[in-house]
C-alpha atoms as a PDB file:
ATOM      1  CA  MET A   1      -0.400 -16.708   0.794  1.00  0.00           C
ATOM      2  CA  GLU A   2      -0.098 -19.741  -1.000  1.00  0.00           C
ATOM      3  CA  ARG A   3       3.250 -21.110   0.375  1.00  0.00           C
ATOM      4  CA  ILE A   4       4.506 -20.186   3.597  1.00  0.00           C
ATOM      5  CA  VAL A   5       7.809 -21.931   4.674  1.00  0.00           C
ATOM      6  CA  VAL A   6       8.700 -22.463   8.504  1.00  0.00           C
ATOM      7  CA  LEU A   7      12.567 -22.771   8.909  1.00  0.00           C
ATOM      8  CA  GLY A   8      12.845 -24.749  11.997  1.00  0.00           C
ATOM      9  CA  GLY A   9       9.189 -25.237  12.242  1.00  0.00           C
ATOM     10  CA  TYR A  10       9.286 -28.418  14.671  1.00  0.00           C
ATOM     11  CA  GLY A  11      11.366 -26.452  17.486  1.00  0.00           C
ATOM     12  CA  ALA A  12       9.876 -25.006  20.567  1.00  0.00           C
ATOM     13  CA  VAL A  13       8.922 -21.871  18.895  1.00  0.00           C
ATOM     14  CA  GLY A  14       8.482 -22.928  15.252  1.00  0.00           C
ATOM     15  CA  ARG A  15       5.868 -25.543  16.069  1.00  0.00           C
ATOM     16  CA  GLU A  16       3.740 -23.122  17.740  1.00  0.00           C
ATOM     17  CA  ALA A  17       3.900 -20.695  14.618  1.00  0.00           C
ATOM     18  CA  ALA A  18       3.734 -23.464  11.997  1.00  0.00           C
ATOM     19  CA  THR A  19       0.529 -24.969  13.924  1.00  0.00           C
ATOM     20  CA  ALA A  20      -1.083 -21.492  13.956  1.00  0.00           C
ATOM     21  CA  LEU A  21      -0.670 -20.842  10.629  1.00  0.00           C
ATOM     22  CA  ALA A  22      -1.614 -24.113   9.342  1.00  0.00           C
ATOM     23  CA  GLU A  23      -4.924 -23.335  11.089  1.00  0.00           C
ATOM     24  CA  TRP A  24      -5.318 -19.821   9.479  1.00  0.00           C
ATOM     25  CA  CYS A  25      -3.782 -20.594   5.957  1.00  0.00           C
ATOM     26  CA  PRO A  26      -5.074 -24.159   5.309  1.00  0.00           C
ATOM     27  CA  GLY A  27      -2.722 -25.692   2.804  1.00  0.00           C
ATOM     28  CA  ALA A  28      -0.021 -23.065   2.712  1.00  0.00           C
ATOM     29  CA  VAL A  29       2.104 -24.231   5.376  1.00  0.00           C
ATOM     30  CA  VAL A  30       5.561 -26.127   4.784  1.00  0.00           C
ATOM     31  CA  VAL A  31       7.570 -27.125   7.666  1.00  0.00           C
ATOM     32  CA  ALA A  32      11.332 -27.344   6.699  1.00  0.00           C
ATOM     33  CA  GLY A  33      14.164 -28.805   8.337  1.00  0.00           C
ATOM     34  CA  ARG A  34      16.627 -31.570   8.569  1.00  0.00           C
ATOM     35  CA  ASP A  35      14.288 -33.923  10.048  1.00  0.00           C
ATOM     36  CA  PRO A  36      11.156 -34.670   7.866  1.00  0.00           C
ATOM     37  CA  ALA A  37       9.774 -37.043  10.474  1.00  0.00           C
ATOM     38  CA  LYS A  38       9.652 -34.260  13.034  1.00  0.00           C
ATOM     39  CA  ALA A  39       8.279 -31.952  10.540  1.00  0.00           C
ATOM     40  CA  ARG A  40       5.414 -34.358   9.685  1.00  0.00           C
ATOM     41  CA  THR A  41       4.391 -34.044  13.248  1.00  0.00           C
ATOM     42  CA  VAL A  42       2.752 -30.415  12.951  1.00  0.00           C
ATOM     43  CA  ALA A  43      -0.877 -30.839  11.880  1.00  0.00           C
ATOM     44  CA  GLY A  44      -2.002 -29.655   8.840  1.00  0.00           C
ATOM     45  CA  ALA A  45       1.394 -28.781   7.721  1.00  0.00           C
ATOM     46  CA  ALA A  46       3.444 -30.163   4.603  1.00  0.00           C
ATOM     47  CA  SER A  47       7.047 -31.231   5.445  1.00  0.00           C
ATOM     48  CA  LEU A  48      10.251 -30.683   3.364  1.00  0.00           C
ATOM     49  CA  ARG A  49      13.916 -31.922   4.300  1.00  0.00           C
ATOM     50  CA  VAL A  50      16.367 -28.790   4.138  1.00  0.00           C
ATOM     51  CA  ASP A  51      19.886 -28.546   4.786  1.00  0.00           C
ATOM     52  CA  LEU A  52      20.306 -24.743   4.938  1.00  0.00           C
ATOM     53  CA  SER A  53      24.196 -25.068   4.274  1.00  0.00           C
ATOM     54  CA  ASP A  54      23.120 -26.782   0.801  1.00  0.00           C
ATOM     55  CA  ASP A  55      22.380 -23.862  -1.777  1.00  0.00           C
ATOM     56  CA  ALA A  56      20.153 -26.256  -3.829  1.00  0.00           C
ATOM     57  CA  ASP A  57      18.208 -27.480  -0.885  1.00  0.00           C
ATOM     58  CA  LEU A  58      17.558 -23.740   0.125  1.00  0.00           C
ATOM     59  CA  GLU A  59      16.541 -22.853  -3.668  1.00  0.00           C
ATOM     60  CA  ARG A  60      14.121 -25.722  -3.467  1.00  0.00           C
ATOM     61  CA  ALA A  61      12.421 -24.480  -0.257  1.00  0.00           C
ATOM     62  CA  LEU A  62      12.151 -21.072  -1.632  1.00  0.00           C
ATOM     63  CA  ASP A  63      10.680 -22.045  -4.920  1.00  0.00           C
ATOM     64  CA  GLY A  64       7.247 -20.839  -5.180  1.00  0.00           C
ATOM     65  CA  ALA A  65       7.172 -19.115  -1.470  1.00  0.00           C
ATOM     66  CA  ASP A  66       5.396 -16.391  -0.502  1.00  0.00           C
ATOM     67  CA  ALA A  67       7.139 -15.844   2.766  1.00  0.00           C
ATOM     68  CA  VAL A  68       9.606 -17.277   5.058  1.00  0.00           C
ATOM     69  CA  LEU A  69       9.597 -17.511   8.666  1.00  0.00           C
ATOM     70  CA  MET A  70      12.848 -18.163  10.338  1.00  0.00           C
ATOM     71  CA  CYS A  71      12.805 -20.022  13.689  1.00  0.00           C
ATOM     72  CA  VAL A  72      16.245 -21.130  13.781  1.00  0.00           C
ATOM     73  CA  GLU A  73      19.633 -19.017  14.103  1.00  0.00           C
ATOM     74  CA  ARG A  74      21.826 -20.351  11.491  1.00  0.00           C
ATOM     75  CA  ASP A  75      22.992 -18.450   8.461  1.00  0.00           C
ATOM     76  CA  ASN A  76      20.197 -16.043   9.135  1.00  0.00           C
ATOM     77  CA  VAL A  77      21.809 -13.124   6.931  1.00  0.00           C
ATOM     78  CA  ARG A  78      22.240 -15.397   4.070  1.00  0.00           C
ATOM     79  CA  ILE A  79      18.873 -16.884   4.198  1.00  0.00           C
ATOM     80  CA  ALA A  80      17.298 -13.470   4.444  1.00  0.00           C
ATOM     81  CA  ARG A  81      19.337 -12.235   1.571  1.00  0.00           C
ATOM     82  CA  ALA A  82      18.419 -15.315  -0.729  1.00  0.00           C
ATOM     83  CA  CYS A  83      14.622 -14.476   0.228  1.00  0.00           C
ATOM     84  CA  VAL A  84      14.478 -10.725  -0.330  1.00  0.00           C
ATOM     85  CA  GLU A  85      16.497 -11.459  -3.801  1.00  0.00           C
ATOM     86  CA  ARG A  86      13.565 -13.431  -5.097  1.00  0.00           C
ATOM     87  CA  GLY A  87      10.952 -11.257  -3.500  1.00  0.00           C
ATOM     88  CA  VAL A  88      10.025 -13.758  -0.789  1.00  0.00           C
ATOM     89  CA  HIS A  89       8.873 -11.698   2.387  1.00  0.00           C
ATOM     90  CA  TYR A  90      10.823 -12.731   5.419  1.00  0.00           C
ATOM     91  CA  VAL A  91      10.134 -12.841   9.395  1.00  0.00           C
ATOM     92  CA  ASP A  92      12.919 -13.750  11.804  1.00  0.00           C
ATOM     93  CA  VAL A  93      12.551 -14.570  15.597  1.00  0.00           C
ATOM     94  CA  SER A  94      16.188 -14.193  16.367  1.00  0.00           C
ATOM     95  CA  ALA A  95      17.009 -12.200  19.637  1.00  0.00           C
ATOM     96  CA  SER A  96      20.687 -11.896  18.582  1.00  0.00           C
ATOM     97  CA  TYR A  97      21.517  -8.230  17.832  1.00  0.00           C
ATOM     98  CA  ASP A  98      24.730  -8.850  15.644  1.00  0.00           C
ATOM     99  CA  VAL A  99      22.231 -10.931  13.394  1.00  0.00           C
ATOM    100  CA  LEU A 100      19.516  -8.238  13.166  1.00  0.00           C
ATOM    101  CA  VAL A 101      21.807  -5.309  12.571  1.00  0.00           C
ATOM    102  CA  ALA A 102      23.329  -7.432   9.764  1.00  0.00           C
ATOM    103  CA  ILE A 103      19.960  -8.042   8.249  1.00  0.00           C
ATOM    104  CA  GLU A 104      19.033  -4.501   8.492  1.00  0.00           C
ATOM    105  CA  THR A 105      21.885  -3.853   5.568  1.00  0.00           C
ATOM    106  CA  LEU A 106      19.529  -5.534   3.307  1.00  0.00           C
ATOM    107  CA  ASP A 107      16.765  -2.683   3.370  1.00  0.00           C
ATOM    108  CA  GLU A 108      17.572  -1.294  -0.020  1.00  0.00           C
ATOM    109  CA  LEU A 109      17.534  -4.695  -1.709  1.00  0.00           C
ATOM    110  CA  ALA A 110      14.382  -5.782  -0.133  1.00  0.00           C
ATOM    111  CA  ALA A 111      12.569  -2.702  -1.324  1.00  0.00           C
ATOM    112  CA  GLU A 112      14.153  -3.046  -4.558  1.00  0.00           C
ATOM    113  CA  HIS A 113      12.452  -6.525  -5.019  1.00  0.00           C
ATOM    114  CA  SER A 114       9.438  -5.444  -3.262  1.00  0.00           C
ATOM    115  CA  ALA A 115       9.792  -7.814  -0.444  1.00  0.00           C
ATOM    116  CA  THR A 116       9.265  -7.088   3.434  1.00  0.00           C
ATOM    117  CA  ALA A 117      11.530  -8.332   6.156  1.00  0.00           C
ATOM    118  CA  VAL A 118      10.308  -8.093   9.837  1.00  0.00           C
ATOM    119  CA  LEU A 119      12.755  -8.247  12.588  1.00  0.00           C
ATOM    120  CA  SER A 120      12.407  -8.472  16.624  1.00  0.00           C
ATOM    121  CA  VAL A 121       9.512 -10.723  16.390  1.00  0.00           C
ATOM    122  CA  GLY A 122       8.595 -12.909  19.404  1.00  0.00           C
ATOM    123  CA  LEU A 123       8.344 -12.034  23.020  1.00  0.00           C
ATOM    124  CA  ALA A 124      11.627 -10.405  23.774  1.00  0.00           C
ATOM    125  CA  PRO A 125      12.507  -8.888  21.443  1.00  0.00           C
ATOM    126  CA  GLY A 126       8.829  -8.436  20.059  1.00  0.00           C
ATOM    127  CA  VAL A 127       6.066  -7.759  22.385  1.00  0.00           C
ATOM    128  CA  THR A 128       8.653  -5.758  24.585  1.00  0.00           C
ATOM    129  CA  ASN A 129       8.955  -3.492  21.392  1.00  0.00           C
ATOM    130  CA  LEU A 130       5.518  -3.127  21.025  1.00  0.00           C
ATOM    131  CA  LEU A 131       4.871  -2.310  24.701  1.00  0.00           C
ATOM    132  CA  ALA A 132       7.987  -0.111  24.653  1.00  0.00           C
ATOM    133  CA  ARG A 133       6.454   2.031  21.590  1.00  0.00           C
ATOM    134  CA  HIS A 134       2.987   2.143  23.286  1.00  0.00           C
ATOM    135  CA  CYS A 135       4.572   3.496  26.674  1.00  0.00           C
ATOM    136  CA  ALA A 136       7.167   5.974  24.949  1.00  0.00           C
ATOM    137  CA  GLU A 137       4.431   7.677  22.544  1.00  0.00           C
ATOM    138  CA  ARG A 138       2.381   8.349  25.929  1.00  0.00           C
ATOM    139  CA  SER A 139       5.372   9.595  27.872  1.00  0.00           C
ATOM    140  CA  GLY A 140       6.728  11.907  25.266  1.00  0.00           C
ATOM    141  CA  GLY A 141       9.833   9.819  24.529  1.00  0.00           C
ATOM    142  CA  ALA A 142      11.153   9.429  28.201  1.00  0.00           C
ATOM    143  CA  ASP A 143      13.707   6.459  28.823  1.00  0.00           C
ATOM    144  CA  VAL A 144      12.290   3.013  28.592  1.00  0.00           C
ATOM    145  CA  ARG A 145      12.738   0.301  31.182  1.00  0.00           C
ATOM    146  CA  ILE A 146      11.752  -3.296  30.267  1.00  0.00           C
ATOM    147  CA  GLY A 147      11.645  -6.207  32.660  1.00  0.00           C
ATOM    148  CA  VAL A 148      11.477  -9.718  31.346  1.00  0.00           C
ATOM    149  CA  LEU A 149      10.524 -12.560  33.936  1.00  0.00           C
ATOM    150  CA  VAL A 150      11.004 -16.164  32.555  1.00  0.00           C
ATOM    151  CA  GLY A 151       9.879 -19.482  33.743  1.00  0.00           C
ATOM    152  CA  MET A 152      12.235 -22.207  33.896  1.00  0.00           C
ATOM    153  CA  GLY A 153       9.510 -24.925  34.142  1.00  0.00           C
ATOM    154  CA  GLU A 154       8.958 -24.535  30.443  1.00  0.00           C
ATOM    155  CA  ARG A 155      11.143 -26.715  27.796  1.00  0.00           C
ATOM    156  CA  HIS A 156      13.442 -24.437  26.088  1.00  0.00           C
ATOM    157  CA  GLY A 157      14.903 -25.251  22.677  1.00  0.00           C
ATOM    158  CA  PRO A 158      18.590 -25.771  22.290  1.00  0.00           C
ATOM    159  CA  ALA A 159      18.899 -22.258  20.512  1.00  0.00           C
ATOM    160  CA  SER A 160      17.342 -20.402  23.210  1.00  0.00           C
ATOM    161  CA  ILE A 161      19.366 -22.278  25.821  1.00  0.00           C
ATOM    162  CA  GLU A 162      22.778 -21.493  23.504  1.00  0.00           C
ATOM    163  CA  TRP A 163      21.781 -17.912  23.531  1.00  0.00           C
ATOM    164  CA  THR A 164      21.154 -17.465  27.239  1.00  0.00           C
ATOM    165  CA  LEU A 165      24.554 -19.123  28.007  1.00  0.00           C
ATOM    166  CA  ASP A 166      26.054 -16.710  25.687  1.00  0.00           C
ATOM    167  CA  GLY A 167      24.303 -13.837  27.633  1.00  0.00           C
ATOM    168  CA  PHE A 168      25.724 -14.999  30.871  1.00  0.00           C
ATOM    169  CA  ALA A 169      28.934 -13.339  29.935  1.00  0.00           C
ATOM    170  CA  ARG A 170      27.492 -10.047  29.474  1.00  0.00           C
ATOM    171  CA  VAL A 171      24.877  -9.689  32.597  1.00  0.00           C
ATOM    172  CA  GLY A 172      24.879  -6.310  33.914  1.00  0.00           C
ATOM    173  CA  PRO A 173      23.622  -4.275  37.043  1.00  0.00           C
ATOM    174  CA  SER A 174      20.652  -5.021  38.863  1.00  0.00           C
ATOM    175  CA  SER A 175      17.631  -3.161  39.707  1.00  0.00           C
ATOM    176  CA  GLN A 176      13.968  -3.468  41.070  1.00  0.00           C
ATOM    177  CA  MET A 177      10.827  -3.778  38.712  1.00  0.00           C
ATOM    178  CA  ASP A 178       7.270  -4.131  39.591  1.00  0.00           C
ATOM    179  CA  PHE A 179       5.662  -7.250  37.477  1.00  0.00           C
ATOM    180  CA  PRO A 180       1.926  -8.362  37.678  1.00  0.00           C
ATOM    181  CA  GLN A 181       0.700 -10.656  40.370  1.00  0.00           C
ATOM    182  CA  PRO A 182       1.597 -13.131  41.333  1.00  0.00           C
ATOM    183  CA  TYR A 183       5.114 -12.145  40.709  1.00  0.00           C
ATOM    184  CA  GLY A 184       5.310  -8.751  42.409  1.00  0.00           C
ATOM    185  CA  THR A 185       8.298  -6.739  42.905  1.00  0.00           C
ATOM    186  CA  ARG A 186      11.733  -8.507  41.557  1.00  0.00           C
ATOM    187  CA  THR A 187      15.273  -7.887  40.970  1.00  0.00           C
ATOM    188  CA  VAL A 188      15.940  -7.938  37.479  1.00  0.00           C
ATOM    189  CA  HIS A 189      19.773  -8.401  35.900  1.00  0.00           C
ATOM    190  CA  ARG A 190      20.530  -6.366  32.780  1.00  0.00           C
ATOM    191  CA  PHE A 191      20.731  -8.960  30.000  1.00  0.00           C
ATOM    192  CA  PRO A 192      21.767  -8.560  26.261  1.00  0.00           C
ATOM    193  CA  PHE A 193      18.295  -8.571  24.839  1.00  0.00           C
ATOM    194  CA  SER A 194      18.350  -6.817  21.215  1.00  0.00           C
ATOM    195  CA  ASP A 195      15.352  -4.607  22.038  1.00  0.00           C
ATOM    196  CA  GLN A 196      17.623  -2.271  24.161  1.00  0.00           C
ATOM    197  CA  GLN A 197      19.943  -1.794  21.347  1.00  0.00           C
ATOM    198  CA  THR A 198      17.572  -1.490  18.567  1.00  0.00           C
ATOM    199  CA  LEU A 199      14.692   0.669  20.324  1.00  0.00           C
ATOM    200  CA  PRO A 200      16.482   3.916  20.901  1.00  0.00           C
ATOM    201  CA  GLY A 201      16.970   4.205  17.010  1.00  0.00           C
ATOM    202  CA  THR A 202      13.281   3.146  16.251  1.00  0.00           C
ATOM    203  CA  LEU A 203      11.493   5.055  18.909  1.00  0.00           C
ATOM    204  CA  GLY A 204      13.683   8.174  19.146  1.00  0.00           C
ATOM    205  CA  VAL A 205      14.368   7.521  22.846  1.00  0.00           C
ATOM    206  CA  GLU A 206      17.543   8.258  24.376  1.00  0.00           C
ATOM    207  CA  ARG A 207      17.898   5.168  26.543  1.00  0.00           C
ATOM    208  CA  VAL A 208      16.430   1.751  26.764  1.00  0.00           C
ATOM    209  CA  THR A 209      17.550  -0.989  29.311  1.00  0.00           C
ATOM    210  CA  THR A 210      16.151  -4.648  29.569  1.00  0.00           C
ATOM    211  CA  GLY A 211      16.659  -6.549  32.745  1.00  0.00           C
ATOM    212  CA  MET A 212      15.907 -10.269  33.220  1.00  0.00           C
ATOM    213  CA  CYS A 213      14.736 -12.429  36.274  1.00  0.00           C
ATOM    214  CA  LEU A 214      13.629 -16.049  36.493  1.00  0.00           C
ATOM    215  CA  ASP A 215      10.376 -17.064  38.391  1.00  0.00           C
ATOM    216  CA  SER A 216      12.559 -18.850  40.685  1.00  0.00           C
ATOM    217  CA  ARG A 217      14.234 -16.228  43.009  1.00  0.00           C
ATOM    218  CA  ALA A 218      17.012 -18.888  43.938  1.00  0.00           C
ATOM    219  CA  LEU A 219      17.970 -19.061  40.335  1.00  0.00           C
ATOM    220  CA  THR A 220      17.652 -15.348  39.693  1.00  0.00           C
ATOM    221  CA  THR A 221      20.458 -15.243  42.429  1.00  0.00           C
ATOM    222  CA  VAL A 222      22.501 -17.725  40.414  1.00  0.00           C
ATOM    223  CA  LEU A 223      22.048 -15.649  37.425  1.00  0.00           C
ATOM    224  CA  ALA A 224      23.799 -12.532  39.151  1.00  0.00           C
ATOM    225  CA  ALA A 225      26.520 -14.762  39.943  1.00  0.00           C
ATOM    226  CA  ALA A 226      27.169 -15.100  36.093  1.00  0.00           C
ATOM    227  CA  ARG A 227      28.552 -11.438  36.408  1.00  0.00           C
ATOM    228  CA  ARG A 228      31.865 -12.825  38.221  1.00  0.00           C
ATOM    229  CA  PRO A 229      34.851 -13.179  35.761  1.00  0.00           C
ATOM    230  CA  VAL A 230      35.276 -16.678  37.161  1.00  0.00           C
ATOM    231  CA  VAL A 231      32.153 -17.788  36.090  1.00  0.00           C
ATOM    232  CA  THR A 232      32.402 -16.350  32.697  1.00  0.00           C
ATOM    233  CA  ARG A 233      35.778 -18.061  32.262  1.00  0.00           C
ATOM    234  CA  LEU A 234      34.160 -21.329  33.371  1.00  0.00           C
ATOM    235  CA  LEU A 235      31.335 -21.074  30.714  1.00  0.00           C
ATOM    236  CA  SER A 236      33.995 -20.464  28.191  1.00  0.00           C
ATOM    237  CA  ALA A 237      35.461 -23.890  28.452  1.00  0.00           C
ATOM    238  CA  PRO A 238      33.800 -26.268  26.217  1.00  0.00           C
ATOM    239  CA  ARG A 239      33.125 -29.328  28.687  1.00  0.00           C
ATOM    240  CA  VAL A 240      31.702 -26.799  31.197  1.00  0.00           C
ATOM    241  CA  ARG A 241      29.402 -24.877  28.638  1.00  0.00           C
ATOM    242  CA  ALA A 242      28.279 -28.601  27.517  1.00  0.00           C
ATOM    243  CA  ALA A 243      27.356 -29.754  30.798  1.00  0.00           C
ATOM    244  CA  ALA A 244      25.635 -26.431  31.718  1.00  0.00           C
ATOM    245  CA  SER A 245      23.577 -26.731  28.518  1.00  0.00           C
ATOM    246  CA  ALA A 246      22.675 -30.144  29.317  1.00  0.00           C
ATOM    247  CA  LEU A 247      21.452 -29.082  32.696  1.00  0.00           C
ATOM    248  CA  LEU A 248      19.249 -26.317  31.584  1.00  0.00           C
ATOM    249  CA  THR A 249      17.838 -28.669  28.928  1.00  0.00           C
ATOM    250  CA  ARG A 250      17.084 -31.216  31.764  1.00  0.00           C
ATOM    251  CA  ALA A 251      16.398 -28.841  34.724  1.00  0.00           C
ATOM    252  CA  HIS A 252      12.855 -27.744  34.871  1.00  0.00           C
ATOM    253  CA  VAL A 253      12.848 -25.605  38.174  1.00  0.00           C
ATOM    254  CA  GLY A 254       9.694 -23.322  38.640  1.00  0.00           C
ATOM    255  CA  GLY A 255       6.749 -22.767  36.559  1.00  0.00           C
ATOM    256  CA  ASP A 256       6.025 -22.255  32.619  1.00  0.00           C
ATOM    257  CA  GLY A 257       4.578 -18.605  33.416  1.00  0.00           C
ATOM    258  CA  PHE A 258       6.396 -15.615  31.944  1.00  0.00           C
ATOM    259  CA  ALA A 259       5.800 -11.678  32.345  1.00  0.00           C
ATOM    260  CA  VAL A 260       6.942  -8.690  30.467  1.00  0.00           C
ATOM    261  CA  THR A 261       6.555  -5.187  32.164  1.00  0.00           C
ATOM    262  CA  VAL A 262       7.632  -2.046  30.220  1.00  0.00           C
ATOM    263  CA  THR A 263       7.654   1.579  32.073  1.00  0.00           C
ATOM    264  CA  SER A 264       8.333   5.167  30.292  1.00  0.00           C
ATOM    265  CA  GLY A 265       7.919   7.929  32.306  1.00  0.00           C
ATOM    266  CA  ALA A 266       4.652   7.507  34.311  1.00  0.00           C
ATOM    267  CA  HIS A 267       3.303   5.133  31.938  1.00  0.00           C
ATOM    268  CA  THR A 268       3.600   1.159  32.264  1.00  0.00           C
ATOM    269  CA  ALA A 269       2.282  -1.818  30.475  1.00  0.00           C
ATOM    270  CA  SER A 270       2.349  -5.511  30.882  1.00  0.00           C
ATOM    271  CA  PHE A 271       1.961  -8.637  29.011  1.00  0.00           C
ATOM    272  CA  THR A 272       1.780 -12.037  31.023  1.00  0.00           C
ATOM    273  CA  GLY A 273       0.871 -15.821  30.493  1.00  0.00           C
ATOM    274  CA  ARG A 274       2.140 -19.247  30.176  1.00  0.00           C
ATOM    275  CA  ARG A 275       4.616 -20.776  27.907  1.00  0.00           C
ATOM    276  CA  GLN A 276       6.728 -18.133  26.307  1.00  0.00           C
ATOM    277  CA  SER A 277       7.563 -20.239  23.436  1.00  0.00           C
ATOM    278  CA  ARG A 278       3.925 -20.219  22.600  1.00  0.00           C
ATOM    279  CA  ALA A 279       3.727 -16.618  23.031  1.00  0.00           C
ATOM    280  CA  THR A 280       6.692 -15.975  20.610  1.00  0.00           C
ATOM    281  CA  GLY A 281       5.338 -18.337  18.009  1.00  0.00           C
ATOM    282  CA  LEU A 282       2.042 -16.927  17.786  1.00  0.00           C
ATOM    283  CA  ALA A 283       3.594 -13.509  17.689  1.00  0.00           C
ATOM    284  CA  ALA A 284       5.555 -14.469  14.838  1.00  0.00           C
ATOM    285  CA  ALA A 285       2.704 -16.123  12.933  1.00  0.00           C
ATOM    286  CA  LEU A 286       0.575 -13.200  13.415  1.00  0.00           C
ATOM    287  CA  VAL A 287       3.230 -11.151  11.860  1.00  0.00           C
ATOM    288  CA  VAL A 288       3.419 -13.304   8.778  1.00  0.00           C
ATOM    289  CA  ARG A 289      -0.382 -13.071   8.376  1.00  0.00           C
ATOM    290  CA  GLN A 290      -0.110  -9.134   8.106  1.00  0.00           C
ATOM    291  CA  LEU A 291       3.237  -9.205   5.544  1.00  0.00           C
ATOM    292  CA  ASP A 292       1.125  -8.368   2.623  1.00  0.00           C
ATOM    293  CA  ALA A 293      -0.256  -5.167   4.128  1.00  0.00           C
ATOM    294  CA  LEU A 294       3.209  -3.990   5.337  1.00  0.00           C
ATOM    295  CA  PRO A 295       5.644  -1.757   3.396  1.00  0.00           C
ATOM    296  CA  ALA A 296       8.799  -3.168   1.610  1.00  0.00           C
ATOM    297  CA  GLY A 297      12.081  -3.294   3.062  1.00  0.00           C
ATOM    298  CA  VAL A 298      13.700  -4.228   6.349  1.00  0.00           C
ATOM    299  CA  ARG A 299      11.883  -3.069   9.643  1.00  0.00           C
ATOM    300  CA  HIS A 300      11.744  -4.024  13.393  1.00  0.00           C
ATOM    301  CA  ILE A 301       8.317  -5.063  14.473  1.00  0.00           C
ATOM    302  CA  ASP A 302       7.594  -1.665  16.539  1.00  0.00           C
ATOM    303  CA  GLU A 303       8.221   0.246  13.044  1.00  0.00           C
ATOM    304  CA  VAL A 304       5.514  -1.331  11.021  1.00  0.00           C
ATOM    305  CA  ILE A 305       2.943  -3.002  13.589  1.00  0.00           C
ATOM    306  CA  GLU A 306       0.298  -0.898  15.481  1.00  0.00           C
ATOM    307  CA  PRO A 307       0.730  -1.959  19.113  1.00  0.00           C
ATOM    308  CA  VAL A 308      -2.703  -1.909  20.520  1.00  0.00           C
ATOM    309  CA  GLY A 309      -4.384  -3.854  17.931  1.00  0.00           C
ATOM    310  CA  PHE A 310      -1.741  -6.563  17.767  1.00  0.00           C
ATOM    311  CA  LEU A 311      -1.246  -7.065  21.306  1.00  0.00           C
ATOM    312  CA  THR A 312      -4.910  -7.264  21.955  1.00  0.00           C
ATOM    313  CA  GLU A 313      -5.060  -9.980  19.211  1.00  0.00           C
ATOM    314  CA  LEU A 314      -2.165 -11.940  20.762  1.00  0.00           C
ATOM    315  CA  ALA A 315      -3.918 -11.570  24.019  1.00  0.00           C
ATOM    316  CA  GLY A 316      -6.892 -13.014  22.951  1.00  0.00           C
ATOM    317  CA  HIS A 317      -5.113 -16.452  22.565  1.00  0.00           C
ATOM    318  CA  GLY A 318      -5.008 -16.930  26.370  1.00  0.00           C
ATOM    319  CA  PHE A 319      -2.441 -14.215  27.503  1.00  0.00           C
ATOM    320  CA  ASP A 320      -3.236 -11.312  29.740  1.00  0.00           C
ATOM    321  CA  LEU A 321      -2.537  -7.599  28.658  1.00  0.00           C
ATOM    322  CA  ASP A 322      -2.533  -4.600  30.543  1.00  0.00           C
ATOM    323  CA  LEU A 323      -2.107  -1.056  28.767  1.00  0.00           C
ATOM    324  CA  GLY A 324      -3.611   1.176  31.135  1.00  0.00           C
ATOM    325  CA  ALA A 325      -1.667   0.976  34.508  1.00  0.00           C
ATOM    326  CA  VAL A 326       0.162   4.171  35.730  1.00  0.00           C
ATOM    327  CA  HIS A 327       3.625   3.729  37.332  1.00  0.00           C
ATOM    328  CA  HIS A 328       4.514   6.475  39.975  1.00  0.00           C
ATOM    329  CA  GLU A 329       8.275   6.849  40.264  1.00  0.00           C
ATOM    330  CA  ALA A 330       9.549   6.623  43.891  1.00  0.00           C
ATOM    331  CA  GLU A 331      10.219  10.427  45.348  1.00  0.00           C
END
């Protein structure tokens, strides 16, 4: 590819993706956003000022582009449409189901223009989807359970924090899941990750549930309190939400480790490491690198990427992958 545009390429995830792509595809990466000064800090990448609300700016950004990696959540459907109409490949790291399902409607348009759009790209969704496919294929399509452990010691971008706050209003029931050491058995709370809504259709399984916990057990208890109506009402108040967002931006309680574990029937698999933003960015970059070999149309990552090879390559960047453990349900 001669021109890869990374929209939001100087954010927590975008910077990781852009840095990797600039190393793999020298001279091809353009980091685009409202602040060119920040964009210029990504080594090996060109910078471009783009206001995504301005059609002329967007047109200029897409001119000559082979692929666009969307690392912000702003007018994603409009941006995706603009890309596929021009035959430009599109990859999106959004974790919001309503955004993803809207982009899915562009499937025929993308196929018509020989463009590939890949969704559910990152850690969760993304790595979770691939682990789920790996386990479900070996269990004969049994229900899938996903656990995501997040380290709060890492600096998370504003979009990630806003998405998390939105999810607090939809925290569901709790359950126990076994994570790789040093985390062990943890209480996870069902959280609105999009994988549990897309995977039943893409994998042909009846039920998928995704639970989240934080590396700090104390903060996980706070997460459980978000289910209470009074907390939901408080977070809907602009001042309270702004204060909560500011607190999560500044507070770094815990470490920067993460863990994802998936079980289906007697099969379980896991992916662990440090800095989930890096894992998400690298996963997105690896997908971009494979775009030319993928079929045209709009697909989720688990529909077009073979899990074992992709996850093994991703793990080679300093993460731990276990695809062979066996999970025994309690009798």
